[in-house]
Amino acid sequence: MCLLLIAWKNHPRYRLILAGNRDEFHDRPSAPLNWWPDDARILGPRDLKANGTWLGVARSGRFGVITNFRDLQAPADSAPSRGVLIPRFLTGATSPKEFLDDLRGAAPRYSGFNLLVGGPRALYYYSNRGTPAPLSLKPGVYGVANHMLDTPWPKLIVTRQRFDQLLQANDVKVDTLFSMLMDRTTAADKDLPHTGLPLEWERAVSAPFIVNERYGTRTSTVLLVERNGRTILHERRFDSSGIQSGVSRFEFKSADVPEQWFAAEDPDDPMASDPTNDFDISPE
C-alpha cells in the first residue's frame, strides 16, 4: 500500500476501518484478492513476483498491511521481500508486539517499510527507517503514505480530512470510502514533499490516486471489521488508464472476539500519541 487510512477502535460499529491504495508498476504481476490456494488461512491479494502481499487478514482476526518507505535507496541484492512479512505474521502464533520485536534484528536488511500488524485486541506500528521500537497504537485515526506514520504529505492531509468526515456516520459506506480513494488531484508545487524524485514524478505521485502508463494505483482496498468479528474485505482493481478492471468482495466471521473491546493487550507499553492532536494540517 502507498496510501493508507486507519480508524482503530474509533467507531461505534467497527473495531477497524481501513482504506488504502496500492501503487505499483503496471508490469509487476499480481493475483486478485482471494483465499490463498496454498494456505487457506490467508485472505489477500498476492504479488506473483515474490509471492508475498501488501495486505492480508486471517480467520483468527489477525491482519497486516505494509507500505514502502520512499528513500530512493537501491535495494541490496540480498534484500528479502517485504511482502513476506504479512503472511508470516498472519500464520504465526506470536502477539503483534512479539512479532515486531523478533523482526527488529533483521529489519535493516529490508528496503524501507512501514508495517502495521494487529488482531482483535491490539494494533502495532513499526518502520525500519524511523521507529526504534514498535509502537502500540491507542484508539484513534491514523494515516500513512510513503513516509513515517502521520507524516503530513499533501495527499494524506486531504484524504485524512475526508476520512474524518466519513467516520462521523454511524454506518460507514464502502462506496464513499472508495470515492475518497479515487481522488486524482495533484498537489501544488509549493506543497510537494522533497523526496529526491524529479519534479514531474513528485507531482504525479502526489495525487491520492495515481494514473500513469508505467506506474500508478493498481488497487483500492477497504477493510471493515465489526465489533462482533464480522469482517468484510473489498478490492477494486484498475488498469494503467485508471479504469476499473475488476472487483472482489469477501466476508467471514473472525474466530477471536475480545470480551473487553477497548482493553489494551499491552497496557504498559509506550503508545503512540493521540493522532487527533498531533496531525498538523495548518498551512505553516
C-alpha atoms as a PDB file:
ATOM      1  CA  MET A   1       0.000   0.000   0.000  1.00  0.00           C
ATOM      2  CA  CYS A   2       1.138   3.542  -0.652  1.00  0.00           C
ATOM      3  CA  LEU A   3      -1.741   5.473   0.870  1.00  0.00           C
ATOM      4  CA  LEU A   4      -3.426   4.138   3.978  1.00  0.00           C
ATOM      5  CA  LEU A   5      -6.093   5.429   6.368  1.00  0.00           C
ATOM      6  CA  ILE A   6      -6.991   3.503   9.525  1.00  0.00           C
ATOM      7  CA  ALA A   7      -9.623   4.047  12.197  1.00  0.00           C
ATOM      8  CA  TRP A   8      -8.749   1.782  15.119  1.00  0.00           C
ATOM      9  CA  LYS A   9     -11.421   1.255  17.812  1.00  0.00           C
ATOM     10  CA  ASN A  10     -12.667   4.724  16.973  1.00  0.00           C
ATOM     11  CA  HIS A  11     -16.147   3.981  15.612  1.00  0.00           C
ATOM     12  CA  PRO A  12     -19.278   2.722  17.425  1.00  0.00           C
ATOM     13  CA  ARG A  13     -19.828  -0.128  14.950  1.00  0.00           C
ATOM     14  CA  TYR A  14     -16.407  -1.021  13.578  1.00  0.00           C
ATOM     15  CA  ARG A  15     -13.348  -2.120  15.505  1.00  0.00           C
ATOM     16  CA  LEU A  16     -11.255  -1.460  12.399  1.00  0.00           C
ATOM     17  CA  ILE A  17     -11.831   0.601   9.270  1.00  0.00           C
ATOM     18  CA  LEU A  18      -9.026   0.520   6.719  1.00  0.00           C
ATOM     19  CA  ALA A  19      -8.954   2.208   3.313  1.00  0.00           C
ATOM     20  CA  GLY A  20      -5.927   2.325   1.065  1.00  0.00           C
ATOM     21  CA  ASN A  21      -4.401   2.462  -2.398  1.00  0.00           C
ATOM     22  CA  ARG A  22      -1.609   0.257  -3.666  1.00  0.00           C
ATOM     23  CA  ASP A  23       0.675   1.986  -6.178  1.00  0.00           C
ATOM     24  CA  GLU A  24       2.965  -0.194  -8.264  1.00  0.00           C
ATOM     25  CA  PHE A  25       4.496  -0.627 -11.716  1.00  0.00           C
ATOM     26  CA  HIS A  26       1.828  -1.964 -14.048  1.00  0.00           C
ATOM     27  CA  ASP A  27       4.056  -4.714 -15.415  1.00  0.00           C
ATOM     28  CA  ARG A  28       4.564  -6.330 -11.991  1.00  0.00           C
ATOM     29  CA  PRO A  29       2.266  -9.381 -11.920  1.00  0.00           C
ATOM     30  CA  SER A  30      -0.202  -9.872  -9.094  1.00  0.00           C
ATOM     31  CA  ALA A  31      -3.196 -12.044  -8.248  1.00  0.00           C
ATOM     32  CA  PRO A  32      -6.509 -10.529  -7.105  1.00  0.00           C
ATOM     33  CA  LEU A  33      -7.910 -10.717  -3.599  1.00  0.00           C
ATOM     34  CA  ASN A  34      -8.775 -14.305  -2.646  1.00  0.00           C
ATOM     35  CA  TRP A  35      -8.150 -17.045  -0.116  1.00  0.00           C
ATOM     36  CA  TRP A  36      -4.675 -18.336  -0.920  1.00  0.00           C
ATOM     37  CA  PRO A  37      -4.814 -21.790  -2.555  1.00  0.00           C
ATOM     38  CA  ASP A  38      -1.615 -22.950  -0.844  1.00  0.00           C
ATOM     39  CA  ASP A  39      -2.539 -21.573   2.589  1.00  0.00           C
ATOM     40  CA  ALA A  40      -6.263 -21.167   3.227  1.00  0.00           C
ATOM     41  CA  ARG A  41      -5.590 -19.239   6.431  1.00  0.00           C
ATOM     42  CA  ILE A  42      -4.745 -16.119   4.394  1.00  0.00           C
ATOM     43  CA  LEU A  43      -7.177 -13.819   2.619  1.00  0.00           C
ATOM     44  CA  GLY A  44      -5.465 -11.203   0.498  1.00  0.00           C
ATOM     45  CA  PRO A  45      -4.126 -10.232  -2.912  1.00  0.00           C
ATOM     46  CA  ARG A  46      -0.752 -11.606  -3.945  1.00  0.00           C
ATOM     47  CA  ASP A  47       2.411 -10.315  -5.548  1.00  0.00           C
ATOM     48  CA  LEU A  48       3.313 -13.021  -8.058  1.00  0.00           C
ATOM     49  CA  LYS A  49       6.925 -11.919  -8.386  1.00  0.00           C
ATOM     50  CA  ALA A  50       7.883 -12.533  -4.733  1.00  0.00           C
ATOM     51  CA  ASN A  51       4.774 -14.471  -3.579  1.00  0.00           C
ATOM     52  CA  GLY A  52       4.067 -12.082  -0.725  1.00  0.00           C
ATOM     53  CA  THR A  53       1.385  -9.479  -0.191  1.00  0.00           C
ATOM     54  CA  TRP A  54       0.917  -5.886   0.874  1.00  0.00           C
ATOM     55  CA  LEU A  55      -2.278  -6.574   2.847  1.00  0.00           C
ATOM     56  CA  GLY A  56      -3.945  -9.617   4.352  1.00  0.00           C
ATOM     57  CA  VAL A  57      -6.356 -10.867   7.010  1.00  0.00           C
ATOM     58  CA  ALA A  58      -6.888 -14.241   8.684  1.00  0.00           C
ATOM     59  CA  ARG A  59      -9.873 -16.008  10.217  1.00  0.00           C
ATOM     60  CA  SER A  60      -8.149 -15.658  13.586  1.00  0.00           C
ATOM     61  CA  GLY A  61      -8.753 -11.899  13.440  1.00  0.00           C
ATOM     62  CA  ARG A  62      -5.125 -11.081  12.668  1.00  0.00           C
ATOM     63  CA  PHE A  63      -4.408  -8.530   9.944  1.00  0.00           C
ATOM     64  CA  GLY A  64      -1.403  -6.781   8.490  1.00  0.00           C
ATOM     65  CA  VAL A  65      -0.566  -4.099   5.950  1.00  0.00           C
ATOM     66  CA  ILE A  66       2.700  -2.640   4.674  1.00  0.00           C
ATOM     67  CA  THR A  67       3.697   0.485   2.740  1.00  0.00           C
ATOM     68  CA  ASN A  68       7.028   1.235   1.122  1.00  0.00           C
ATOM     69  CA  PHE A  69       9.192   3.985   2.610  1.00  0.00           C
ATOM     70  CA  ARG A  70      10.380   6.314  -0.154  1.00  0.00           C
ATOM     71  CA  ASP A  71      14.104   6.762   0.409  1.00  0.00           C
ATOM     72  CA  LEU A  72      15.291   6.036  -3.170  1.00  0.00           C
ATOM     73  CA  GLN A  73      17.962   3.639  -1.918  1.00  0.00           C
ATOM     74  CA  ALA A  74      18.527   0.817  -4.359  1.00  0.00           C
ATOM     75  CA  PRO A  75      17.634  -2.479  -2.667  1.00  0.00           C
ATOM     76  CA  ALA A  76      20.542  -4.730  -1.827  1.00  0.00           C
ATOM     77  CA  ASP A  77      20.850  -7.819  -3.985  1.00  0.00           C
ATOM     78  CA  SER A  78      20.302  -9.972  -0.920  1.00  0.00           C
ATOM     79  CA  ALA A  79      17.390  -7.939   0.479  1.00  0.00           C
ATOM     80  CA  PRO A  80      14.414 -10.138   1.360  1.00  0.00           C
ATOM     81  CA  SER A  81      10.961  -9.250   0.050  1.00  0.00           C
ATOM     82  CA  ARG A  82       8.938  -7.014   2.336  1.00  0.00           C
ATOM     83  CA  GLY A  83       5.808  -8.780   1.140  1.00  0.00           C
ATOM     84  CA  VAL A  84       6.678 -11.957   3.035  1.00  0.00           C
ATOM     85  CA  LEU A  85       6.204 -10.174   6.367  1.00  0.00           C
ATOM     86  CA  ILE A  86       2.396 -10.098   6.152  1.00  0.00           C
ATOM     87  CA  PRO A  87       1.796 -13.837   5.572  1.00  0.00           C
ATOM     88  CA  ARG A  88       4.440 -14.643   8.169  1.00  0.00           C
ATOM     89  CA  PHE A  89       2.517 -12.664  10.763  1.00  0.00           C
ATOM     90  CA  LEU A  90      -0.917 -13.918   9.710  1.00  0.00           C
ATOM     91  CA  THR A  91       0.083 -17.558  10.061  1.00  0.00           C
ATOM     92  CA  GLY A  92       2.151 -17.126  13.219  1.00  0.00           C
ATOM     93  CA  ALA A  93       1.267 -17.557  16.857  1.00  0.00           C
ATOM     94  CA  THR A  94       3.145 -14.658  18.469  1.00  0.00           C
ATOM     95  CA  SER A  95       1.432 -11.431  19.503  1.00  0.00           C
ATOM     96  CA  PRO A  96       1.824  -8.358  17.258  1.00  0.00           C
ATOM     97  CA  LYS A  97       4.405  -6.899  19.626  1.00  0.00           C
ATOM     98  CA  GLU A  98       6.375 -10.145  19.861  1.00  0.00           C
ATOM     99  CA  PHE A  99       6.362 -10.474  16.077  1.00  0.00           C
ATOM    100  CA  LEU A 100       7.770  -6.968  15.609  1.00  0.00           C
ATOM    101  CA  ASP A 101      10.300  -7.388  18.415  1.00  0.00           C
ATOM    102  CA  ASP A 102      11.563 -10.529  16.685  1.00  0.00           C
ATOM    103  CA  LEU A 103      11.735  -8.660  13.364  1.00  0.00           C
ATOM    104  CA  ARG A 104      13.830  -5.766  14.622  1.00  0.00           C
ATOM    105  CA  GLY A 105      17.149  -7.565  14.339  1.00  0.00           C
ATOM    106  CA  ALA A 106      16.606  -8.446  10.676  1.00  0.00           C
ATOM    107  CA  ALA A 107      14.749  -5.226   9.737  1.00  0.00           C
ATOM    108  CA  PRO A 108      17.818  -3.333   8.382  1.00  0.00           C
ATOM    109  CA  ARG A 109      18.206  -5.998   5.686  1.00  0.00           C
ATOM    110  CA  TYR A 110      14.892  -4.986   4.119  1.00  0.00           C
ATOM    111  CA  SER A 111      14.215  -1.992   1.911  1.00  0.00           C
ATOM    112  CA  GLY A 112      12.349   0.778   3.740  1.00  0.00           C
ATOM    113  CA  PHE A 113       8.885  -0.066   5.037  1.00  0.00           C
ATOM    114  CA  ASN A 114       6.041   0.946   7.322  1.00  0.00           C
ATOM    115  CA  LEU A 115       4.378  -2.109   8.843  1.00  0.00           C
ATOM    116  CA  LEU A 116       1.133  -2.339  10.807  1.00  0.00           C
ATOM    117  CA  VAL A 117       0.102  -5.651  12.360  1.00  0.00           C
ATOM    118  CA  GLY A 118      -2.717  -6.354  14.746  1.00  0.00           C
ATOM    119  CA  GLY A 119      -5.537  -8.518  15.936  1.00  0.00           C
ATOM    120  CA  PRO A 120      -8.775  -8.151  17.874  1.00  0.00           C
ATOM    121  CA  ARG A 121      -7.063  -6.523  20.871  1.00  0.00           C
ATOM    122  CA  ALA A 122      -4.041  -4.546  19.700  1.00  0.00           C
ATOM    123  CA  LEU A 123      -2.532  -2.708  16.728  1.00  0.00           C
ATOM    124  CA  TYR A 124       1.183  -2.023  16.375  1.00  0.00           C
ATOM    125  CA  TYR A 125       3.237   0.122  14.004  1.00  0.00           C
ATOM    126  CA  TYR A 126       6.899  -0.263  13.125  1.00  0.00           C
ATOM    127  CA  SER A 127       9.191   1.254  10.493  1.00  0.00           C
ATOM    128  CA  ASN A 128      12.738   0.167   9.748  1.00  0.00           C
ATOM    129  CA  ARG A 129      13.528   3.744   8.721  1.00  0.00           C
ATOM    130  CA  GLY A 130      12.493   5.657  11.816  1.00  0.00           C
ATOM    131  CA  THR A 131      10.935   3.977  14.834  1.00  0.00           C
ATOM    132  CA  PRO A 132      13.485   2.374  17.165  1.00  0.00           C
ATOM    133  CA  ALA A 133      10.822   0.107  18.667  1.00  0.00           C
ATOM    134  CA  PRO A 134       7.267  -0.957  17.788  1.00  0.00           C
ATOM    135  CA  LEU A 135       4.548   1.497  18.807  1.00  0.00           C
ATOM    136  CA  SER A 136       1.269   0.352  20.307  1.00  0.00           C
ATOM    137  CA  LEU A 137      -1.472   2.447  18.708  1.00  0.00           C
ATOM    138  CA  LYS A 138      -4.274   3.514  21.002  1.00  0.00           C
ATOM    139  CA  PRO A 139      -7.819   4.037  19.668  1.00  0.00           C
ATOM    140  CA  GLY A 140      -7.788   6.793  17.066  1.00  0.00           C
ATOM    141  CA  VAL A 141      -7.351   7.651  13.398  1.00  0.00           C
ATOM    142  CA  TYR A 142      -4.013   7.217  11.615  1.00  0.00           C
ATOM    143  CA  GLY A 143      -2.588   7.732   8.162  1.00  0.00           C
ATOM    144  CA  VAL A 144       0.473   6.531   6.271  1.00  0.00           C
ATOM    145  CA  ALA A 145       1.832   7.360   2.838  1.00  0.00           C
ATOM    146  CA  ASN A 146       5.437   6.577   1.895  1.00  0.00           C
ATOM    147  CA  HIS A 147       6.987   8.182   4.953  1.00  0.00           C
ATOM    148  CA  MET A 148       6.507   7.856   8.713  1.00  0.00           C
ATOM    149  CA  LEU A 149       3.149   7.385  10.409  1.00  0.00           C
ATOM    150  CA  ASP A 150       1.035  10.568  10.118  1.00  0.00           C
ATOM    151  CA  THR A 151       3.692  12.486   8.166  1.00  0.00           C
ATOM    152  CA  PRO A 152       1.509  15.272   6.680  1.00  0.00           C
ATOM    153  CA  TRP A 153       2.177  14.824   2.976  1.00  0.00           C
ATOM    154  CA  PRO A 154      -0.425  16.679   0.865  1.00  0.00           C
ATOM    155  CA  LYS A 155      -2.323  13.598  -0.321  1.00  0.00           C
ATOM    156  CA  LEU A 156      -2.501  12.254   3.220  1.00  0.00           C
ATOM    157  CA  ILE A 157      -3.751  15.573   4.601  1.00  0.00           C
ATOM    158  CA  VAL A 158      -6.635  15.885   2.140  1.00  0.00           C
ATOM    159  CA  THR A 159      -7.608  12.222   2.358  1.00  0.00           C
ATOM    160  CA  ARG A 160      -7.396  12.233   6.141  1.00  0.00           C
ATOM    161  CA  GLN A 161      -9.774  15.209   6.307  1.00  0.00           C
ATOM    162  CA  ARG A 162     -12.339  13.381   4.163  1.00  0.00           C
ATOM    163  CA  PHE A 163     -11.871  10.183   6.148  1.00  0.00           C
ATOM    164  CA  ASP A 164     -12.547  12.025   9.410  1.00  0.00           C
ATOM    165  CA  GLN A 165     -15.793  13.373   7.954  1.00  0.00           C
ATOM    166  CA  LEU A 166     -16.951   9.936   6.810  1.00  0.00           C
ATOM    167  CA  LEU A 167     -16.298   8.488  10.262  1.00  0.00           C
ATOM    168  CA  GLN A 168     -18.981  10.745  11.737  1.00  0.00           C
ATOM    169  CA  ALA A 169     -21.675   8.485  10.267  1.00  0.00           C
ATOM    170  CA  ASN A 170     -22.948   5.536  12.315  1.00  0.00           C
ATOM    171  CA  ASP A 171     -22.672   3.304   9.247  1.00  0.00           C
ATOM    172  CA  VAL A 172     -19.668   3.974   7.044  1.00  0.00           C
ATOM    173  CA  LYS A 173     -20.478   3.317   3.384  1.00  0.00           C
ATOM    174  CA  VAL A 174     -17.995   1.317   1.332  1.00  0.00           C
ATOM    175  CA  ASP A 175     -18.706   3.308  -1.831  1.00  0.00           C
ATOM    176  CA  THR A 176     -17.907   6.590  -0.090  1.00  0.00           C
ATOM    177  CA  LEU A 177     -14.569   5.207   1.084  1.00  0.00           C
ATOM    178  CA  PHE A 178     -13.725   4.110  -2.451  1.00  0.00           C
ATOM    179  CA  SER A 179     -14.753   7.539  -3.762  1.00  0.00           C
ATOM    180  CA  MET A 180     -12.373   9.124  -1.266  1.00  0.00           C
ATOM    181  CA  LEU A 181      -9.546   6.940  -2.583  1.00  0.00           C
ATOM    182  CA  MET A 182     -10.286   7.874  -6.222  1.00  0.00           C
ATOM    183  CA  ASP A 183      -9.124  11.498  -5.907  1.00  0.00           C
ATOM    184  CA  ARG A 184      -6.724  12.177  -8.791  1.00  0.00           C
ATOM    185  CA  THR A 185      -5.892  15.774  -7.830  1.00  0.00           C
ATOM    186  CA  THR A 186      -2.170  16.504  -7.656  1.00  0.00           C
ATOM    187  CA  ALA A 187      -0.705  18.846  -5.054  1.00  0.00           C
ATOM    188  CA  ALA A 188       0.525  22.353  -5.784  1.00  0.00           C
ATOM    189  CA  ASP A 189       4.273  22.532  -6.352  1.00  0.00           C
ATOM    190  CA  LYS A 190       4.771  24.601  -3.197  1.00  0.00           C
ATOM    191  CA  ASP A 191       3.247  21.819  -1.095  1.00  0.00           C
ATOM    192  CA  LEU A 192       5.176  18.906  -2.565  1.00  0.00           C
ATOM    193  CA  PRO A 193       7.493  16.916  -0.294  1.00  0.00           C
ATOM    194  CA  HIS A 194      11.127  16.744  -1.348  1.00  0.00           C
ATOM    195  CA  THR A 195      11.944  13.065  -1.556  1.00  0.00           C
ATOM    196  CA  GLY A 196      14.566  13.080  -4.310  1.00  0.00           C
ATOM    197  CA  LEU A 197      12.248  12.369  -7.219  1.00  0.00           C
ATOM    198  CA  PRO A 198      12.293  14.572 -10.335  1.00  0.00           C
ATOM    199  CA  LEU A 199       9.680  17.327 -10.077  1.00  0.00           C
ATOM    200  CA  GLU A 200       7.485  15.745 -12.766  1.00  0.00           C
ATOM    201  CA  TRP A 201       7.276  12.497 -10.803  1.00  0.00           C
ATOM    202  CA  GLU A 202       6.907  14.272  -7.464  1.00  0.00           C
ATOM    203  CA  ARG A 203       3.785  15.936  -8.912  1.00  0.00           C
ATOM    204  CA  ALA A 204       2.397  12.725 -10.381  1.00  0.00           C
ATOM    205  CA  VAL A 205       2.682  10.678  -7.193  1.00  0.00           C
ATOM    206  CA  SER A 206       1.272  13.477  -5.011  1.00  0.00           C
ATOM    207  CA  ALA A 207      -2.278  12.505  -6.034  1.00  0.00           C
ATOM    208  CA  PRO A 208      -4.126  10.061  -3.772  1.00  0.00           C
ATOM    209  CA  PHE A 209      -4.961   8.020  -6.900  1.00  0.00           C
ATOM    210  CA  ILE A 210      -2.075   7.928  -9.392  1.00  0.00           C
ATOM    211  CA  VAL A 211      -2.661   7.494 -13.127  1.00  0.00           C
ATOM    212  CA  ASN A 212       0.409   6.859 -15.296  1.00  0.00           C
ATOM    213  CA  GLU A 213       1.081   4.382 -18.082  1.00  0.00           C
ATOM    214  CA  ARG A 214       4.100   2.895 -16.268  1.00  0.00           C
ATOM    215  CA  TYR A 215       3.334   3.295 -12.570  1.00  0.00           C
ATOM    216  CA  GLY A 216       0.105   4.054 -10.770  1.00  0.00           C
ATOM    217  CA  THR A 217      -2.663   2.960  -8.456  1.00  0.00           C
ATOM    218  CA  ARG A 218      -3.288  -0.716  -9.169  1.00  0.00           C
ATOM    219  CA  THR A 219      -5.810  -1.495  -6.416  1.00  0.00           C
ATOM    220  CA  SER A 220      -8.003   0.232  -3.852  1.00  0.00           C
ATOM    221  CA  THR A 221      -8.943  -1.734  -0.742  1.00  0.00           C
ATOM    222  CA  VAL A 222     -11.490  -1.290   2.040  1.00  0.00           C
ATOM    223  CA  LEU A 223     -11.461  -3.486   5.147  1.00  0.00           C
ATOM    224  CA  LEU A 224     -14.258  -3.327   7.724  1.00  0.00           C
ATOM    225  CA  VAL A 225     -14.178  -5.331  10.968  1.00  0.00           C
ATOM    226  CA  GLU A 226     -17.233  -5.071  13.201  1.00  0.00           C
ATOM    227  CA  ARG A 227     -17.115  -5.376  16.971  1.00  0.00           C
ATOM    228  CA  ASN A 228     -18.589  -8.880  16.755  1.00  0.00           C
ATOM    229  CA  GLY A 229     -15.789 -10.042  14.440  1.00  0.00           C
ATOM    230  CA  ARG A 230     -17.687  -9.825  11.140  1.00  0.00           C
ATOM    231  CA  THR A 231     -15.005  -8.998   8.588  1.00  0.00           C
ATOM    232  CA  ILE A 232     -15.606  -7.621   5.091  1.00  0.00           C
ATOM    233  CA  LEU A 233     -12.754  -7.080   2.634  1.00  0.00           C
ATOM    234  CA  HIS A 234     -13.326  -5.287  -0.688  1.00  0.00           C
ATOM    235  CA  GLU A 235     -10.866  -4.791  -3.544  1.00  0.00           C
ATOM    236  CA  ARG A 236     -11.173  -2.785  -6.758  1.00  0.00           C
ATOM    237  CA  ARG A 237      -8.522  -3.172  -9.455  1.00  0.00           C
ATOM    238  CA  PHE A 238      -7.503  -0.658 -12.126  1.00  0.00           C
ATOM    239  CA  ASP A 239      -5.584  -0.658 -15.398  1.00  0.00           C
ATOM    240  CA  SER A 240      -2.894   1.807 -16.489  1.00  0.00           C
ATOM    241  CA  SER A 241      -5.574   4.282 -17.616  1.00  0.00           C
ATOM    242  CA  GLY A 242      -7.160   4.306 -14.169  1.00  0.00           C
ATOM    243  CA  ILE A 243     -10.206   2.382 -15.411  1.00  0.00           C
ATOM    244  CA  GLN A 244     -11.648  -0.249 -13.089  1.00  0.00           C
ATOM    245  CA  SER A 245     -10.777  -3.720 -14.366  1.00  0.00           C
ATOM    246  CA  GLY A 246     -12.024  -5.992 -11.591  1.00  0.00           C
ATOM    247  CA  VAL A 247     -13.637  -6.208  -8.183  1.00  0.00           C
ATOM    248  CA  SER A 248     -13.643  -8.736  -5.319  1.00  0.00           C
ATOM    249  CA  ARG A 249     -15.503  -8.956  -2.014  1.00  0.00           C
ATOM    250  CA  PHE A 250     -15.153 -11.494   0.805  1.00  0.00           C
ATOM    251  CA  GLU A 251     -16.858 -11.790   4.168  1.00  0.00           C
ATOM    252  CA  PHE A 252     -16.265 -14.053   7.167  1.00  0.00           C
ATOM    253  CA  LYS A 253     -16.629 -14.113  10.945  1.00  0.00           C
ATOM    254  CA  SER A 254     -13.436 -13.799  12.958  1.00  0.00           C
ATOM    255  CA  ALA A 255     -12.753 -16.696  15.309  1.00  0.00           C
ATOM    256  CA  ASP A 256     -11.454 -14.447  18.064  1.00  0.00           C
ATOM    257  CA  VAL A 257     -13.532 -11.601  19.523  1.00  0.00           C
ATOM    258  CA  PRO A 258     -12.251  -9.892  22.692  1.00  0.00           C
ATOM    259  CA  GLU A 259     -14.547  -9.728  25.689  1.00  0.00           C
ATOM    260  CA  GLN A 260     -13.234  -6.268  26.532  1.00  0.00           C
ATOM    261  CA  TRP A 261     -13.254  -4.456  23.212  1.00  0.00           C
ATOM    262  CA  PHE A 262     -11.200  -1.474  24.372  1.00  0.00           C
ATOM    263  CA  ALA A 263      -8.859  -3.415  26.652  1.00  0.00           C
ATOM    264  CA  ALA A 264      -5.203  -2.895  25.728  1.00  0.00           C
ATOM    265  CA  GLU A 265      -3.181  -6.033  25.090  1.00  0.00           C
ATOM    266  CA  ASP A 266      -0.019  -4.447  26.452  1.00  0.00           C
ATOM    267  CA  PRO A 267      -1.119  -1.522  28.658  1.00  0.00           C
ATOM    268  CA  ASP A 268       2.379  -0.850  29.953  1.00  0.00           C
ATOM    269  CA  ASP A 269       3.978  -0.438  26.537  1.00  0.00           C
ATOM    270  CA  PRO A 270       4.767   3.037  25.183  1.00  0.00           C
ATOM    271  CA  MET A 271       1.902   4.134  22.953  1.00  0.00           C
ATOM    272  CA  ALA A 272       1.808   6.491  20.033  1.00  0.00           C
ATOM    273  CA  SER A 273       0.474   9.895  20.958  1.00  0.00           C
ATOM    274  CA  ASP A 274      -3.109  10.766  20.061  1.00  0.00           C
ATOM    275  CA  PRO A 275      -3.047  11.380  16.282  1.00  0.00           C
ATOM    276  CA  THR A 276      -6.104  13.611  16.535  1.00  0.00           C
ATOM    277  CA  ASN A 277      -3.991  16.175  18.368  1.00  0.00           C
ATOM    278  CA  ASP A 278      -0.669  15.621  16.594  1.00  0.00           C
ATOM    279  CA  PHE A 279      -1.757  15.562  12.956  1.00  0.00           C
ATOM    280  CA  ASP A 280      -0.860  19.056  11.819  1.00  0.00           C
ATOM    281  CA  ILE A 281      -2.834  20.328   8.810  1.00  0.00           C
ATOM    282  CA  SER A 282      -2.026  24.011   9.244  1.00  0.00           C
ATOM    283  CA  PRO A 283      -0.584  25.853   6.222  1.00  0.00           C
ATOM    284  CA  GLU A 284       2.519  26.785   8.171  1.00  0.00           C
END
